[in-house]
Amino acid sequence: MKVNFNKTFKDYRGNDLIVGGKVQLMTDIIAQCLFNGEGARSSGDSNKDSSRKIHSYELCMRLIQANGDLSISAEDAILIKESVIGLTPGCYSQIVKLIDE
């Protein structure tokens, strides 16, 4: 599937979400979550966990280099959803809806 994450988050009024004077882009926040390993739970299998970390990093790099639509697999979509689980309900939901469109 192709998804364009170069979109701004919207606040509860539908306006661009601004934090610290900066518009918050989905690409930046998702990439940060992937890079930091947020939402990653240890499986107890070091090989599996290592592969997941590498996948997260590679997806992060693909995401920040994309200028528009990014081709993602079902596995990528799951990884993104798990990585952003710690975001606010509003931001998390906007990402999930964008992926599921």
Foldseek 3Di string as FASTA:
>chain_A
DKFFQQDFQADPVRHFDADPNHGHTRLVVLLVLLQVVALDDDPVDVVVSVVSNVVSNVVSVQSVPDPTIDDDDPVRLVSSLSSCVPPDPRSSVVSNVRVVD
